[in-house]
Structure formats: structure tokens, C-alpha cells
C-alpha atoms as a PDB file:
ATOM      1  CA  MET A   1     -24.905  77.514  53.292  1.00  0.00           C
ATOM      2  CA  ASP A   2     -28.347  78.189  51.373  1.00  0.00           C
ATOM      3  CA  LYS A   3     -27.153  81.615  49.985  1.00  0.00           C
ATOM      4  CA  LYS A   4     -23.630  79.617  48.789  1.00  0.00           C
ATOM      5  CA  GLY A   5     -25.676  76.885  47.174  1.00  0.00           C
ATOM      6  CA  PHE A   6     -27.723  79.473  45.410  1.00  0.00           C
ATOM      7  CA  GLU A   7     -24.754  81.092  44.198  1.00  0.00           C
ATOM      8  CA  LEU A   8     -23.415  78.179  42.812  1.00  0.00           C
ATOM      9  CA  SER A   9     -26.407  77.023  40.928  1.00  0.00           C
ATOM     10  CA  PHE A  10     -26.637  80.397  39.387  1.00  0.00           C
ATOM     11  CA  GLY A  11     -22.989  79.995  38.193  1.00  0.00           C
ATOM     12  CA  TRP A  12     -23.991  76.764  36.593  1.00  0.00           C
ATOM     13  CA  LEU A  13     -26.707  78.080  34.800  1.00  0.00           C
ATOM     14  CA  PHE A  14     -24.771  81.012  33.536  1.00  0.00           C
ATOM     15  CA  ALA A  15     -21.879  78.616  32.148  1.00  0.00           C
ATOM     16  CA  ILE A  16     -24.726  76.466  30.608  1.00  0.00           C
ATOM     17  CA  LEU A  17     -26.493  79.285  28.979  1.00  0.00           C
ATOM     18  CA  VAL A  18     -23.216  80.629  27.445  1.00  0.00           C
ATOM     19  CA  GLY A  19     -22.059  77.184  26.268  1.00  0.00           C
ATOM     20  CA  ALA A  20     -25.165  76.895  24.239  1.00  0.00           C
ATOM     21  CA  ILE A  21     -24.741  80.127  22.943  1.00  0.00           C
ATOM     22  CA  ILE A  22     -21.427  79.676  21.770  1.00  0.00           C
ATOM     23  CA  ILE A  23     -22.600  75.893  20.342  1.00  0.00           C
ATOM     24  CA  PHE A  24     -25.700  77.551  18.447  1.00  0.00           C
ATOM     25  CA  LEU A  25     -23.240  80.202  16.909  1.00  0.00           C
ATOM     26  CA  ALA A  26     -20.739  77.633  15.884  1.00  0.00           C
ATOM     27  CA  ILE A  27     -23.581  75.330  14.271  1.00  0.00           C
ATOM     28  CA  TYR A  28     -25.029  78.445  12.459  1.00  0.00           C
ATOM     29  CA  ALA A  29     -21.584  79.406  11.033  1.00  0.00           C
ATOM     30  CA  ALA A  30     -20.902  76.082   9.857  1.00  0.00           C
ATOM     31  CA  GLY A  31     -24.202  76.003   8.013  1.00  0.00           C
ATOM     32  CA  LYS A  32     -23.359  79.415   6.384  1.00  0.00           C
ATOM     33  CA  VAL A  33     -20.069  77.981   5.216  1.00  0.00           C
ATOM     34  CA  ALA A  34     -21.592  75.132   3.758  1.00  0.00           C
ATOM     35  CA  SER A  35     -24.522  76.955   2.193  1.00  0.00           C
ATOM     36  CA  ASN A  36     -22.162  79.415   0.609  1.00  0.00           C
ATOM     37  CA  GLN A  37     -19.835  76.207  -0.553  1.00  0.00           C
ATOM     38  CA  ASN A  38     -23.124  74.985  -2.196  1.00  0.00           C
ATOM     39  CA  GLN A  39     -23.936  78.218  -3.629  1.00  0.00           C
ATOM     40  CA  MET A  40     -20.300  78.212  -5.065  1.00  0.00           C
ATOM     41  CA  THR A  41     -20.506  74.709  -6.364  1.00  0.00           C
ATOM     42  CA  ASN A  42     -23.482  75.270  -8.320  1.00  0.00           C
ATOM     43  CA  THR A  43     -22.634  78.630  -9.736  1.00  0.00           C
ATOM     44  CA  GLN A  44     -19.571  76.681 -11.171  1.00  0.00           C
ATOM     45  CA  ALA A  45     -21.481  74.073 -12.392  1.00  0.00           C
ATOM     46  CA  GLY A  46     -23.958  76.415 -14.360  1.00  0.00           C
ATOM     47  CA  LYS A  47     -20.864  78.052 -15.859  1.00  0.00           C
ATOM     48  CA  GLU A  48     -19.628  74.760 -16.933  1.00  0.00           C
ATOM     49  CA  LEU A  49     -22.489  73.593 -18.622  1.00  0.00           C
ATOM     50  CA  GLY A  50     -22.846  76.922 -20.672  1.00  0.00           C
ATOM     51  CA  ILE A  51     -19.107  75.860 -21.626  1.00  0.00           C
ATOM     52  CA  LEU A  52     -19.870  72.493 -22.426  1.00  0.00           C
ATOM     53  CA  LEU A  53     -22.815  73.550 -24.655  1.00  0.00           C
ATOM     54  CA  SER A  54     -20.269  75.476 -27.032  1.00  0.00           C
ATOM     55  CA  PRO A  55     -18.847  72.314 -28.709  1.00  0.00           C
ATOM     56  CA  VAL A  56     -22.412  71.193 -29.495  1.00  0.00           C
ATOM     57  CA  GLU A  57     -22.920  74.129 -31.650  1.00  0.00           C
ATOM     58  CA  THR A  58     -22.589  73.899 -35.220  1.00  0.00           C
ATOM     59  CA  SER A  59     -21.879  75.818 -38.184  1.00  0.00           C
ATOM     60  CA  LEU A  60     -22.818  72.626 -40.330  1.00  0.00           C
ATOM     61  CA  ASP A  61     -26.364  72.770 -42.241  1.00  0.00           C
ATOM     62  CA  SER A  62     -27.221  69.211 -40.059  1.00  0.00           C
ATOM     63  CA  GLY A  63     -27.706  68.835 -36.613  1.00  0.00           C
ATOM     64  CA  LYS A  64     -25.625  67.628 -33.756  1.00  0.00           C
ATOM     65  CA  SER A  65     -26.612  65.745 -30.749  1.00  0.00           C
ATOM     66  CA  THR A  66     -24.840  64.705 -27.422  1.00  0.00           C
ATOM     67  CA  TYR A  67     -25.127  64.237 -23.810  1.00  0.00           C
ATOM     68  CA  ILE A  68     -23.894  65.810 -20.417  1.00  0.00           C
ATOM     69  CA  THR A  69     -23.741  63.950 -17.254  1.00  0.00           C
ATOM     70  CA  PHE A  70     -23.194  65.551 -13.780  1.00  0.00           C
ATOM     71  CA  PRO A  71     -21.913  63.831 -11.111  1.00  0.00           C
ATOM     72  CA  ARG A  72     -25.275  63.947  -9.068  1.00  0.00           C
ATOM     73  CA  GLU A  73     -29.033  64.719  -9.598  1.00  0.00           C
ATOM     74  CA  THR A  74     -29.095  68.177 -10.979  1.00  0.00           C
ATOM     75  CA  LYS A  75     -31.882  70.679 -11.681  1.00  0.00           C
ATOM     76  CA  VAL A  76     -30.979  72.961 -14.487  1.00  0.00           C
ATOM     77  CA  GLY A  77     -32.575  76.455 -14.585  1.00  0.00           C
ATOM     78  CA  ASN A  78     -33.181  78.462 -17.804  1.00  0.00           C
ATOM     79  CA  ILE A  79     -33.667  81.800 -17.414  1.00  0.00           C
ATOM     80  CA  CYS A  80     -34.273  83.945 -20.725  1.00  0.00           C
ATOM     81  CA  SER A  81     -33.959  87.502 -20.733  1.00  0.00           C
ATOM     82  CA  GLU A  82     -35.210  89.702 -23.877  1.00  0.00           C
ATOM     83  CA  PHE A  83     -33.833  93.230 -22.552  1.00  0.00           C
ATOM     84  CA  GLY A  84     -30.687  94.674 -24.168  1.00  0.00           C
ATOM     85  CA  ASN A  85     -29.347  94.558 -27.490  1.00  0.00           C
ATOM     86  CA  PHE A  86     -29.295  90.808 -27.563  1.00  0.00           C
ATOM     87  CA  GLY A  87     -31.177  89.813 -24.460  1.00  0.00           C
ATOM     88  CA  ALA A  88     -29.811  87.385 -22.195  1.00  0.00           C
ATOM     89  CA  GLN A  89     -29.322  83.382 -21.636  1.00  0.00           C
ATOM     90  CA  ARG A  90     -28.781  82.811 -17.973  1.00  0.00           C
ATOM     91  CA  ILE A  91     -28.111  79.196 -16.654  1.00  0.00           C
ATOM     92  CA  ASN A  92     -27.825  77.973 -13.055  1.00  0.00           C
ATOM     93  CA  THR A  93     -27.712  74.839 -11.211  1.00  0.00           C
ATOM     94  CA  THR A  94     -28.653  72.994  -8.107  1.00  0.00           C
ATOM     95  CA  GLY A  95     -28.381  69.656  -6.343  1.00  0.00           C
ATOM     96  CA  ASP A  96     -31.500  67.466  -6.532  1.00  0.00           C
ATOM     97  CA  THR A  97     -31.452  66.966  -2.796  1.00  0.00           C
ATOM     98  CA  GLY A  98     -33.566  68.699  -0.014  1.00  0.00           C
ATOM     99  CA  ILE A  99     -34.991  71.062  -2.455  1.00  0.00           C
ATOM    100  CA  THR A 100     -38.386  71.908  -3.791  1.00  0.00           C
ATOM    101  CA  SER A 101     -39.363  71.811  -7.276  1.00  0.00           C
ATOM    102  CA  GLY A 102     -39.014  75.500  -7.864  1.00  0.00           C
ATOM    103  CA  ASP A 103     -35.694  75.961  -6.116  1.00  0.00           C
ATOM    104  CA  ILE A 104     -32.584  76.745  -8.038  1.00  0.00           C
ATOM    105  CA  SER A 105     -29.246  77.963  -5.941  1.00  0.00           C
ATOM    106  CA  GLY A 106     -25.996  79.729  -7.248  1.00  0.00           C
ATOM    107  CA  VAL A 107     -25.738  82.643  -9.054  1.00  0.00           C
ATOM    108  CA  SER A 108     -26.761  82.667 -12.963  1.00  0.00           C
ATOM    109  CA  SER A 109     -24.045  82.424 -15.407  1.00  0.00           C
ATOM    110  CA  THR A 110     -24.939  84.743 -18.436  1.00  0.00           C
ATOM    111  CA  PHE A 111     -24.343  84.297 -21.900  1.00  0.00           C
ATOM    112  CA  TYR A 112     -25.301  86.905 -24.870  1.00  0.00           C
ATOM    113  CA  ASN A 113     -24.706  84.237 -27.831  1.00  0.00           C
ATOM    114  CA  LYS A 114     -26.535  81.200 -26.845  1.00  0.00           C
ATOM    115  CA  TYR A 115     -29.998  80.464 -27.604  1.00  0.00           C
ATOM    116  CA  LEU A 116     -31.460  77.294 -25.147  1.00  0.00           C
ATOM    117  CA  PHE A 117     -34.492  75.870 -25.472  1.00  0.00           C
ATOM    118  CA  SER A 118     -35.549  73.908 -22.528  1.00  0.00           C
ATOM    119  CA  ASN A 119     -38.396  73.836 -19.414  1.00  0.00           C
ATOM    120  CA  THR A 120     -37.848  76.481 -16.957  1.00  0.00           C
ATOM    121  CA  ILE A 121     -36.284  73.599 -14.925  1.00  0.00           C
ATOM    122  CA  SER A 122     -35.156  70.392 -16.095  1.00  0.00           C
ATOM    123  CA  SER A 123     -34.018  67.547 -13.884  1.00  0.00           C
ATOM    124  CA  GLY A 124     -31.678  64.462 -14.202  1.00  0.00           C
ATOM    125  CA  LYS A 125     -28.363  63.211 -13.873  1.00  0.00           C
ATOM    126  CA  THR A 126     -27.750  63.036 -17.440  1.00  0.00           C
ATOM    127  CA  PHE A 127     -29.119  65.649 -19.886  1.00  0.00           C
ATOM    128  CA  TYR A 128     -29.585  65.431 -23.883  1.00  0.00           C
ATOM    129  CA  VAL A 129     -28.707  68.283 -26.186  1.00  0.00           C
ATOM    130  CA  PHE A 130     -29.379  68.589 -29.763  1.00  0.00           C
ATOM    131  CA  ALA A 131     -28.369  71.446 -31.858  1.00  0.00           C
ATOM    132  CA  LYS A 132     -29.394  72.935 -35.315  1.00  0.00           C
ATOM    133  CA  PRO A 133     -28.571  76.075 -37.095  1.00  0.00           C
ATOM    134  CA  PHE A 134     -31.124  78.999 -37.666  1.00  0.00           C
ATOM    135  CA  GLU A 135     -31.011  80.784 -40.862  1.00  0.00           C
ATOM    136  CA  MET A 136     -33.360  83.666 -42.070  1.00  0.00           C
ATOM    137  CA  PRO A 137     -32.007  84.322 -44.825  1.00  0.00           C
ATOM    138  CA  TYR A 138     -28.261  84.209 -43.539  1.00  0.00           C
ATOM    139  CA  LYS A 139     -26.695  82.193 -40.391  1.00  0.00           C
ATOM    140  CA  VAL A 140     -28.200  83.944 -37.373  1.00  0.00           C
ATOM    141  CA  ALA A 141     -27.250  81.509 -34.306  1.00  0.00           C
ATOM    142  CA  ASP A 142     -27.049  77.873 -33.216  1.00  0.00           C
ATOM    143  CA  LEU A 143     -30.310  76.636 -31.659  1.00  0.00           C
ATOM    144  CA  ILE A 144     -29.506  74.479 -28.590  1.00  0.00           C
ATOM    145  CA  PHE A 145     -32.401  72.186 -27.728  1.00  0.00           C
ATOM    146  CA  PHE A 146     -32.066  70.405 -23.884  1.00  0.00           C
ATOM    147  CA  TRP A 147     -33.847  68.038 -21.967  1.00  0.00           C
ATOM    148  CA  GLY A 148     -33.279  65.811 -18.937  1.00  0.00           C
ATOM    149  CA  ASP A 149     -33.198  62.086 -18.466  1.00  0.00           C
ATOM    150  CA  LYS A 150     -36.420  62.315 -16.341  1.00  0.00           C
ATOM    151  CA  GLU A 151     -38.222  63.807 -19.394  1.00  0.00           C
ATOM    152  CA  TYR A 152     -39.871  61.511 -22.107  1.00  0.00           C
ATOM    153  CA  TYR A 153     -41.544  62.412 -25.427  1.00  0.00           C
ATOM    154  CA  CYS A 154     -43.672  60.389 -27.744  1.00  0.00           C
ATOM    155  CA  PHE A 155     -43.764  61.781 -31.239  1.00  0.00           C
ATOM    156  CA  VAL A 156     -46.666  60.563 -32.890  1.00  0.00           C
ATOM    157  CA  ASN A 157     -47.033  60.279 -36.451  1.00  0.00           C
ATOM    158  CA  PRO A 158     -44.393  63.128 -37.189  1.00  0.00           C
ATOM    159  CA  SER A 159     -43.651  64.336 -40.713  1.00  0.00           C
ATOM    160  CA  ASN A 160     -40.874  62.271 -42.642  1.00  0.00           C
ATOM    161  CA  ASN A 161     -37.914  64.760 -42.092  1.00  0.00           C
ATOM    162  CA  VAL A 162     -38.788  65.100 -38.329  1.00  0.00           C
ATOM    163  CA  GLU A 163     -38.683  61.281 -38.200  1.00  0.00           C
ATOM    164  CA  ASP A 164     -35.776  60.954 -40.073  1.00  0.00           C
ATOM    165  CA  GLU A 165     -33.880  63.387 -37.742  1.00  0.00           C
ATOM    166  CA  ILE A 166     -34.884  61.984 -34.781  1.00  0.00           C
ATOM    167  CA  LEU A 167     -34.059  58.322 -35.820  1.00  0.00           C
ATOM    168  CA  GLY A 168     -30.761  59.614 -37.623  1.00  0.00           C
ATOM    169  CA  LEU A 169     -29.173  61.334 -34.747  1.00  0.00           C
ATOM    170  CA  ASN A 170     -30.649  58.786 -32.213  1.00  0.00           C
ATOM    171  CA  LEU A 171     -32.181  61.241 -29.961  1.00  0.00           C
ATOM    172  CA  LYS A 172     -32.369  59.912 -26.432  1.00  0.00           C
ATOM    173  CA  ASN A 173     -35.829  59.522 -24.504  1.00  0.00           C
ATOM    174  CA  ILE A 174     -37.634  60.004 -27.676  1.00  0.00           C
ATOM    175  CA  LYS A 175     -39.719  57.573 -29.267  1.00  0.00           C
ATOM    176  CA  VAL A 176     -41.273  57.640 -32.709  1.00  0.00           C
ATOM    177  CA  VAL A 177     -44.719  55.835 -33.191  1.00  0.00           C
ATOM    178  CA  ASN A 178     -47.840  55.802 -35.360  1.00  0.00           C
ATOM    179  CA  SER A 179     -50.480  55.882 -32.684  1.00  0.00           C
ATOM    180  CA  VAL A 180     -50.731  57.462 -29.285  1.00  0.00           C
ATOM    181  CA  THR A 181     -51.919  53.933 -28.063  1.00  0.00           C
ATOM    182  CA  ASN A 182     -48.219  53.135 -28.222  1.00  0.00           C
ATOM    183  CA  CYS A 183     -46.850  55.858 -25.899  1.00  0.00           C
ATOM    184  CA  SER A 184     -45.363  54.718 -22.898  1.00  0.00           C
ATOM    185  CA  VAL A 185     -47.186  55.748 -19.824  1.00  0.00           C
ATOM    186  CA  GLY A 186     -45.539  59.372 -18.434  1.00  0.00           C
ATOM    187  CA  SER A 187     -44.116  60.420 -21.539  1.00  0.00           C
ATOM    188  CA  LYS A 188     -45.419  63.554 -23.045  1.00  0.00           C
ATOM    189  CA  LYS A 189     -47.218  62.919 -26.324  1.00  0.00           C
ATOM    190  CA  VAL A 190     -46.292  64.959 -29.041  1.00  0.00           C
ATOM    191  CA  CYS A 191     -48.832  64.746 -32.004  1.00  0.00           C
ATOM    192  CA  PHE A 192     -48.815  65.486 -35.627  1.00  0.00           C
ATOM    193  CA  THR A 193     -51.921  64.299 -36.956  1.00  0.00           C
ATOM    194  CA  ARG A 194     -54.167  64.661 -33.948  1.00  0.00           C
ATOM    195  CA  SER A 195     -55.441  67.269 -31.031  1.00  0.00           C
ATOM    196  CA  ASN A 196     -55.658  66.959 -27.355  1.00  0.00           C
ATOM    197  CA  CYS A 197     -52.079  65.386 -26.818  1.00  0.00           C
ATOM    198  CA  ASP A 198     -49.523  67.224 -24.430  1.00  0.00           C
ATOM    199  CA  VAL A 199     -48.117  68.864 -27.507  1.00  0.00           C
ATOM    200  CA  ASP A 200     -50.007  69.252 -30.734  1.00  0.00           C
ATOM    201  CA  VAL A 201     -47.937  70.179 -33.843  1.00  0.00           C
ATOM    202  CA  SER A 202     -49.584  71.638 -37.208  1.00  0.00           C
ATOM    203  CA  MET A 203     -47.032  71.545 -39.877  1.00  0.00           C
ATOM    204  CA  ASN A 204     -49.543  73.480 -42.436  1.00  0.00           C
ATOM    205  CA  SER A 205     -50.055  76.537 -40.081  1.00  0.00           C
ATOM    206  CA  GLN A 206     -46.746  75.948 -38.531  1.00  0.00           C
ATOM    207  CA  THR A 207     -47.820  76.067 -35.011  1.00  0.00           C
ATOM    208  CA  VAL A 208     -47.382  74.371 -31.662  1.00  0.00           C
ATOM    209  CA  ARG A 209     -50.036  74.033 -29.103  1.00  0.00           C
ATOM    210  CA  LYS A 210     -48.777  73.545 -25.577  1.00  0.00           C
ATOM    211  CA  GLU A 211     -49.942  74.594 -22.137  1.00  0.00           C
ATOM    212  CA  ASN A 212     -52.630  76.223 -23.739  1.00  0.00           C
ATOM    213  CA  ARG A 213     -50.418  78.628 -25.635  1.00  0.00           C
ATOM    214  CA  THR A 214     -50.010  78.709 -29.252  1.00  0.00           C
ATOM    215  CA  MET A 215     -46.654  79.113 -30.537  1.00  0.00           C
ATOM    216  CA  TYR A 216     -45.673  79.853 -34.506  1.00  0.00           C
ATOM    217  CA  PHE A 217     -42.658  78.751 -35.528  1.00  0.00           C
ATOM    218  CA  GLU A 218     -40.070  78.573 -38.706  1.00  0.00           C
ATOM    219  CA  GLY A 219     -37.656  75.797 -39.642  1.00  0.00           C
ATOM    220  CA  PRO A 220     -35.810  74.256 -36.709  1.00  0.00           C
ATOM    221  CA  LEU A 221     -37.668  76.469 -34.088  1.00  0.00           C
ATOM    222  CA  LEU A 222     -40.177  73.579 -34.418  1.00  0.00           C
ATOM    223  CA  TYR A 223     -38.088  71.584 -32.000  1.00  0.00           C
ATOM    224  CA  GLY A 224     -37.458  74.917 -29.700  1.00  0.00           C
ATOM    225  CA  ALA A 225     -41.455  75.101 -29.619  1.00  0.00           C
ATOM    226  CA  ILE A 226     -41.781  71.696 -28.680  1.00  0.00           C
ATOM    227  CA  PHE A 227     -39.142  71.192 -25.943  1.00  0.00           C
ATOM    228  CA  ALA A 228     -39.263  74.689 -24.393  1.00  0.00           C
ATOM    229  CA  SER A 229     -41.718  76.224 -21.946  1.00  0.00           C
ATOM    230  CA  PRO A 230     -43.774  78.818 -23.829  1.00  0.00           C
ATOM    231  CA  GLU A 231     -42.359  81.796 -21.995  1.00  0.00           C
ATOM    232  CA  ILE A 232     -38.745  80.645 -22.805  1.00  0.00           C
ATOM    233  CA  TYR A 233     -39.504  79.908 -26.640  1.00  0.00           C
ATOM    234  CA  GLU A 234     -41.351  83.399 -27.215  1.00  0.00           C
ATOM    235  CA  CYS A 235     -38.524  84.914 -25.375  1.00  0.00           C
ATOM    236  CA  GLN A 236     -35.944  83.451 -27.355  1.00  0.00           C
ATOM    237  CA  VAL A 237     -37.504  84.127 -30.772  1.00  0.00           C
ATOM    238  CA  LYS A 238     -37.753  87.941 -29.597  1.00  0.00           C
ATOM    239  CA  ARG A 239     -33.712  87.526 -28.876  1.00  0.00           C
ATOM    240  CA  LEU A 240     -33.006  85.712 -32.238  1.00  0.00           C
ATOM    241  CA  MET A 241     -34.881  88.244 -33.789  1.00  0.00           C
ATOM    242  CA  LYS A 242     -32.862  91.191 -32.529  1.00  0.00           C
ATOM    243  CA  ARG A 243     -29.857  89.485 -33.718  1.00  0.00           C
ATOM    244  CA  ASP A 244     -31.278  88.824 -36.874  1.00  0.00           C
ATOM    245  CA  SER A 245     -31.842  92.885 -37.154  1.00  0.00           C
ATOM    246  CA  GLU A 246     -28.244  93.653 -36.251  1.00  0.00           C
ATOM    247  CA  LEU A 247     -26.811  91.259 -38.764  1.00  0.00           C
ATOM    248  CA  ALA A 248     -28.876  92.962 -41.526  1.00  0.00           C
ATOM    249  CA  LEU A 249     -27.414  96.297 -40.558  1.00  0.00           C
ATOM    250  CA  LEU A 250     -23.916  94.639 -40.683  1.00  0.00           C
ATOM    251  CA  TYR A 251     -24.665  93.209 -44.377  1.00  0.00           C
ATOM    252  CA  ALA A 252     -26.346  96.716 -45.219  1.00  0.00           C
ATOM    253  CA  THR A 253     -22.701  97.944 -44.774  1.00  0.00           C
ATOM    254  CA  LYS A 254     -21.188  95.159 -46.508  1.00  0.00           C
ATOM    255  CA  ALA A 255     -23.262  96.000 -49.167  1.00  0.00           C
ATOM    256  CA  ASP A 256     -22.146  99.512 -49.287  1.00  0.00           C
ATOM    257  CA  THR A 257     -18.502  98.371 -49.181  1.00  0.00           C
ATOM    258  CA  LEU A 258     -19.169  96.226 -52.591  1.00  0.00           C
ATOM    259  CA  ALA A 259     -20.796  98.923 -54.143  1.00  0.00           C
ATOM    260  CA  ALA A 260     -18.008 101.476 -53.727  1.00  0.00           C
ATOM    261  CA  ARG A 261     -15.856  98.463 -55.427  1.00  0.00           C
ATOM    262  CA  GLY A 262     -18.091  98.460 -58.270  1.00  0.00           C
ATOM    263  CA  CYS A 263     -20.193  95.393 -57.418  1.00  0.00           C
ATOM    264  CA  GLY A 264     -23.620  96.903 -56.439  1.00  0.00           C
ATOM    265  CA  SER A 265     -26.507  94.937 -55.200  1.00  0.00           C
ATOM    266  CA  ASN A 266     -29.382  97.082 -54.602  1.00  0.00           C
ATOM    267  CA  LEU A 267     -30.021  95.370 -51.482  1.00  0.00           C
ATOM    268  CA  ARG A 268     -28.850  97.988 -48.963  1.00  0.00           C
ATOM    269  CA  GLU A 269     -32.093  99.345 -48.522  1.00  0.00           C
ATOM    270  CA  ASP A 270     -34.131  96.198 -48.405  1.00  0.00           C
ATOM    271  CA  LEU A 271     -31.527  95.005 -45.579  1.00  0.00           C
ATOM    272  CA  ILE A 272     -32.381  98.318 -43.638  1.00  0.00           C
ATOM    273  CA  VAL A 273     -36.153  97.756 -43.717  1.00  0.00           C
ATOM    274  CA  TYR A 274     -35.626  93.999 -42.736  1.00  0.00           C
ATOM    275  CA  ALA A 275     -33.439  95.185 -40.016  1.00  0.00           C
ATOM    276  CA  ASP A 276     -36.377  97.202 -38.663  1.00  0.00           C
ATOM    277  CA  MET A 277     -38.889  94.604 -39.178  1.00  0.00           C
ATOM    278  CA  THR A 278     -36.995  92.032 -37.070  1.00  0.00           C
ATOM    279  CA  LEU A 279     -36.457  94.525 -34.155  1.00  0.00           C
ATOM    280  CA  LYS A 280     -40.302  95.346 -33.812  1.00  0.00           C
ATOM    281  CA  VAL A 281     -40.867  91.379 -33.610  1.00  0.00           C
ATOM    282  CA  ASP A 282     -42.598  91.128 -30.274  1.00  0.00           C
ATOM    283  CA  SER A 283     -44.124  87.610 -30.347  1.00  0.00           C
ATOM    284  CA  SER A 284     -43.649  84.196 -32.739  1.00  0.00           C
ATOM    285  CA  SER A 285     -47.046  84.722 -34.753  1.00  0.00           C
ATOM    286  CA  LYS A 286     -44.907  87.569 -36.671  1.00  0.00           C
ATOM    287  CA  LEU A 287     -42.276  84.756 -37.835  1.00  0.00           C
ATOM    288  CA  SER A 288     -44.379  83.998 -41.034  1.00  0.00           C
ATOM    289  CA  ASN A 289     -44.297  87.522 -42.420  1.00  0.00           C
ATOM    290  CA  ILE A 290     -40.098  87.684 -41.529  1.00  0.00           C
ATOM    291  CA  ALA A 291     -39.765  84.546 -43.283  1.00  0.00           C
ATOM    292  CA  PHE A 292     -41.312  86.008 -46.306  1.00  0.00           C
ATOM    293  CA  ALA A 293     -38.897  88.950 -46.460  1.00  0.00           C
ATOM    294  CA  SER A 294     -36.163  86.633 -45.527  1.00  0.00           C
ATOM    295  CA  ASP A 295     -36.953  84.301 -48.325  1.00  0.00           C
ATOM    296  CA  ASN A 296     -37.134  87.310 -50.842  1.00  0.00           C
ATOM    297  CA  LEU A 297     -33.552  88.573 -49.735  1.00  0.00           C
ATOM    298  CA  GLU A 298     -32.098  85.260 -50.113  1.00  0.00           C
ATOM    299  CA  ARG A 299     -33.276  85.089 -53.763  1.00  0.00           C
ATOM    300  CA  ARG A 300     -32.003  88.036 -54.522  1.00  0.00           C
ATOM    301  CA  ASN A 301     -28.844  87.845 -53.055  1.00  0.00           C
ATOM    302  CA  HIS A 302     -28.356  84.226 -54.724  1.00  0.00           C
ATOM    303  CA  ASP A 303     -28.943  85.975 -58.086  1.00  0.00           C
ATOM    304  CA  LEU A 304     -25.773  88.482 -57.468  1.00  0.00           C
ATOM    305  CA  LEU A 305     -22.349  88.203 -58.882  1.00  0.00           C
ATOM    306  CA  CYS A 306     -20.986  89.606 -55.364  1.00  0.00           C
ATOM    307  CA  GLN A 307     -23.219  87.904 -53.006  1.00  0.00           C
ATOM    308  CA  ILE A 308     -23.403  89.970 -49.335  1.00  0.00           C
ATOM    309  CA  PHE A 309     -23.940  86.527 -47.293  1.00  0.00           C
END
């Protein structure tokens, strides 16, 4: 009798153990399916975001602004790679629930013709977008400036053209004031006439000081230096210069073609030299030299009967 009772108890114990294992495996499998589904959703959202940014890009002389709204709180990761002929812009997203500040899931969507200037990770449900064309001396690309509805900026005494642009485009989450004391609590202070703010801008030296790093800018890259993480900014500048270099070689070929048709320009060699200069740019500190050479090419091209660009 005692032996039979022992065997019955062991049978029940074995059944419970097997049942627990089955339940565990079922829960684990369900979790993996849900995780994979979330990753697919985040990957798709990243690709769709890149596609949505395309209509914002403009070939006009002025800028454009708009906003993009996600169905839930989202984190957008900006990954810039300088490797390859043109480098790469990668974008990925993840829902904001249950993740740490540095987590971004989903496979990155890669674009080779986009230049996104933002923080490494931007958070929010609505994201604001501002785009401007970048020319040096011909159009190189459209620059996209991007920030979330959790990011607030306070521009203190900006130059007139910057103030007019911000107000004219009605850029969201950006306040223009004449004193740092008028900035809202929690906003990033972008100062044009004083130092020790979150972002210090010098229009004279064309520099932006941020996160203990100095970035140099030309034209609309000013906004890139303000809105982007320093490492993102420097990477995008290198990518832009690589594109500038390839375009210079294309225009050098065009100069050859025009010369063969009896419309010489004497710009071919200078464009090849310019292509080499831009290709070697390894930091934004070289932009002033590139801008000088660019201005010279632009003046000479303007005076041509058969303009190359």
C-alpha cells in the first residue's frame, strides 16, 4: 500500500513538471513572437519615416517646415556613417514604453541621399522638420533638421535673418527672446551674444559651441550644428563634402563636353582640384577653406557664357 502511494505521488510530480515545462515554452515562444513583431513594426516605422522626409526636401531657395506624428510615443535613432562613397544615413525607431534611454530596436533603414541633423536619439509623438538646400557652390543636397515635441529651444538675440526665418516658417518649440531670463525652464538656451549657454553661436567666427565641442558652419549648416549631436554633425559634414567632391568631378566632365562644342570655360582643372579638396575634409574646421574655393568657382561660373552649373 505504501509503495503504491509512493508511485502515485511520483506520477503526479512528473506530470506537474512536464506541464510546467510546456507552459514555460509556450510563454517563451509567445514572447519571441511578440518581440519579433515589435521589431518588424519598429523597422517599418523607421523606413516610413525616411520616406515621409522626402517631400520635405526642397529644391527651392527658401526652407520648408512641417511635422510628422506617430500613433504612440516614439524614439527615433539617428545613425550617421561616413564610410563608403557617400556614407549612409540610417534611421530606426522604437516605442517609448518599457525601454531605457539608450534603447532603439528595429533594423535600421538606410538612405544614401539624406542628411538628417538631430540628436542621436529624439523622443516624442510629434516630430518637427525643417529643411533647407545646401549649395557649395552648386546645390549639394537638402539638409533636414529634426527635433521632437519633448525638445524645446530658446534662441537668445539671434541675427535678423535667423529670427526672420524661425518666425516666418513658424518653427515649433522654438522661442525667440532678447534675454536669457525670458527662456522657459527646461528649454535649451541658444545664445548669439553671450556664452555659457547650452549652445553658443558666434556669427563672426561661424562656430557653434555645444557639449564642450566647437563646430564650424557655413550657410544653413548653422542649424545643423544647433540641432544635431556633435558627432552626428561632423559625420554629416564629411558626407556632404564627399557628395560635393563627386559632383565637382561630374561638372568637370561637363566642362569638357562644353569645350568640345566650342564653349570653353577653363574651369575643368579647378573643379578637379576642388573635388580633391572636398574629398579630404575630415572635420568642419576645414569648411572655411572650402567655402573660399567654392565662392571663387561660383564667381567664375557666373561670368561664363555657357555656365556649367
